[in-house]
């Protein structure tokens, strides 16, 4: 008669490995349900969130504009929204997409504002603004 201490509930001898859960050994036999095998990536952790490449591209473009010095203020605000889109992608993908979309809109609006300011400056200089000597040239 063999005595299995794990089945009788008696404590294991000193130095013996304790099974998880305290009293019974885990069942390592294959399941007999006949169902399909578990697909990797769909287990208890769920599917991974997709990368927000739009936020990465927005951050790169805004960072280049900010570091160029020419369009520092144009690139700074969209850069912040791009970084928010990247950092919030893992915890809240919908909010990350919203931040990225706002960043793109701000980048386009500020870029148009800069282009409009350049056009107005060129027109002002070529048509004739106030001259250095105080007279208006016609």
Protein backbone atom coordinates (compact mmCIF):
# COMPACT_ATOMS: atom_id res chain seq x y z
CA UNK A 1 0.00 0.00 0.00
CA UNK A 2 1.49 3.30 -1.10
CA UNK A 3 0.75 6.37 0.90
CA UNK A 4 0.34 9.68 -0.96
CA UNK A 5 0.49 12.56 1.52
CA UNK A 6 -1.12 14.96 -0.97
CA UNK A 7 -4.33 12.94 -1.20
CA UNK A 8 -4.79 12.22 2.49
CA UNK A 9 -4.43 15.82 3.64
CA UNK A 10 -1.41 15.01 5.84
CA UNK A 11 1.34 17.61 5.79
CA UNK A 12 4.23 17.01 3.42
CA UNK A 13 7.51 15.93 4.96
CA UNK A 14 10.15 18.54 5.67
CA UNK A 15 11.80 19.77 2.44
CA UNK A 16 9.14 18.39 0.12
CA UNK A 17 7.68 20.77 -2.45
CA UNK A 18 4.23 22.05 -1.59
CA UNK A 19 1.70 21.91 -4.41
CA UNK A 20 -0.03 25.18 -5.36
CA UNK A 21 -3.28 25.72 -3.53
CA UNK A 22 -2.05 23.87 -0.48
CA UNK A 23 -3.69 20.44 -0.64
CA UNK A 24 -4.03 19.00 -4.12
CA UNK A 25 -1.73 18.67 -7.07
CA UNK A 26 -2.80 20.49 -10.22
CA UNK A 27 -4.31 18.44 -13.01
CA UNK A 28 -2.00 18.48 -16.00
CA UNK A 29 -4.03 16.15 -18.18
CA UNK A 30 -5.17 17.50 -21.54
CA UNK A 31 -8.74 18.70 -21.75
CA UNK A 32 -11.16 16.23 -23.28
CA UNK A 33 -13.65 18.80 -24.51
CA UNK A 34 -12.53 18.46 -28.12
CA UNK A 35 -12.90 22.20 -28.68
CA UNK A 36 -10.48 24.35 -30.64
CA UNK A 37 -7.16 25.24 -29.11
CA UNK A 38 -6.63 28.63 -27.51
CA UNK A 39 -5.39 31.16 -30.05
CA UNK A 40 -2.27 33.03 -28.86
CA UNK A 41 -2.98 36.64 -27.99
CA UNK A 42 -6.63 36.16 -27.05
CA UNK A 43 -6.13 34.80 -23.55
CA UNK A 44 -6.85 36.46 -20.26
CA UNK A 45 -4.85 39.56 -21.20
CA UNK A 46 -6.96 40.40 -24.26
CA UNK A 47 -5.78 41.73 -27.56
CA UNK A 48 -2.97 44.30 -27.59
CA UNK A 49 -3.94 47.87 -28.41
CA UNK A 50 -2.94 48.94 -31.90
CA UNK A 51 -0.19 51.51 -32.23
CA UNK A 52 -1.32 55.09 -32.72
CA UNK A 53 0.93 55.89 -35.69
CA UNK A 54 -0.91 59.13 -36.34
CA UNK A 55 0.17 60.42 -32.93
CA UNK A 56 3.77 59.39 -33.61
CA UNK A 57 3.80 61.18 -36.98
CA UNK A 58 2.18 64.26 -35.42
CA UNK A 59 4.80 64.31 -32.67
CA UNK A 60 7.67 64.00 -35.14
CA UNK A 61 6.39 66.75 -37.45
CA UNK A 62 5.56 69.05 -34.54
CA UNK A 63 8.90 68.35 -32.91
CA UNK A 64 10.77 69.26 -36.10
CA UNK A 65 8.74 72.47 -36.42
CA UNK A 66 9.39 73.33 -32.78
CA UNK A 67 13.13 72.66 -32.96
CA UNK A 68 13.53 74.51 -36.25
CA UNK A 69 13.00 77.81 -34.47
CA UNK A 70 11.05 79.27 -37.38
CA UNK A 71 7.72 77.80 -36.36
CA UNK A 72 8.31 77.25 -32.67
CA UNK A 73 4.84 78.27 -31.54
CA UNK A 74 3.17 76.45 -34.44
CA UNK A 75 4.71 73.12 -33.48
CA UNK A 76 4.64 73.33 -29.70
CA UNK A 77 0.91 72.92 -29.04
CA UNK A 78 0.43 70.02 -31.53
CA UNK A 79 3.54 68.39 -30.07
CA UNK A 80 1.87 68.34 -26.65
CA UNK A 81 -1.29 66.79 -28.11
CA UNK A 82 0.79 64.20 -29.99
CA UNK A 83 2.61 63.20 -26.81
CA UNK A 84 -0.73 62.92 -24.99
CA UNK A 85 -1.99 60.68 -27.81
CA UNK A 86 1.04 58.41 -27.50
CA UNK A 87 0.98 58.12 -23.71
CA UNK A 88 -2.77 57.54 -23.40
CA UNK A 89 -2.94 54.93 -26.15
CA UNK A 90 -2.42 51.97 -23.81
CA UNK A 91 -4.92 53.05 -21.16
CA UNK A 92 -7.61 54.86 -23.19
CA UNK A 93 -7.31 54.42 -26.99
CA UNK A 94 -10.43 56.46 -27.78
CA UNK A 95 -9.21 59.45 -25.80
CA UNK A 96 -5.78 59.08 -27.43
CA UNK A 97 -7.36 59.24 -30.89
CA UNK A 98 -9.27 62.35 -29.85
CA UNK A 99 -6.10 64.06 -28.61
CA UNK A 100 -4.32 63.17 -31.85
CA UNK A 101 -7.17 64.53 -33.95
CA UNK A 102 -7.18 67.79 -31.98
CA UNK A 103 -3.41 68.03 -32.45
CA UNK A 104 -3.69 67.67 -36.24
CA UNK A 105 -6.45 70.30 -36.39
CA UNK A 106 -4.41 72.75 -34.29
CA UNK A 107 -1.32 72.13 -36.46
CA UNK A 108 -3.23 72.83 -39.68
CA UNK A 109 -4.94 75.95 -38.28
CA UNK A 110 -1.72 77.42 -36.90
CA UNK A 111 0.13 76.64 -40.14
CA UNK A 112 -2.58 78.41 -42.15
CA UNK A 113 -2.36 81.36 -39.78
CA UNK A 114 1.42 81.60 -40.34
CA UNK A 115 1.00 81.37 -44.13
CA UNK A 116 -1.66 84.09 -44.01
CA UNK A 117 0.61 86.30 -41.88
CA UNK A 118 3.46 85.85 -44.39
CA UNK A 119 1.16 86.77 -47.29
CA UNK A 120 -0.08 89.87 -45.46
CA UNK A 121 3.51 90.89 -44.68
CA UNK A 122 4.57 90.48 -48.32
CA UNK A 123 1.56 92.45 -49.56
CA UNK A 124 2.15 95.16 -46.97
CA UNK A 125 5.80 95.55 -48.01
CA UNK A 126 5.21 95.43 -51.79
CA UNK A 127 2.10 97.64 -51.95
CA UNK A 128 3.72 100.22 -49.77
CA UNK A 129 3.35 100.65 -46.12
CA UNK A 130 4.70 103.61 -44.24
CA UNK A 131 8.12 104.57 -45.51
CA UNK A 132 11.20 105.31 -43.44
CA UNK A 133 11.05 109.05 -44.04
CA UNK A 134 7.40 109.29 -42.96
CA UNK A 135 5.85 109.77 -46.41
CA UNK A 136 3.47 107.30 -47.99
CA UNK A 137 4.70 106.13 -51.39
CA UNK A 138 2.20 105.78 -54.19
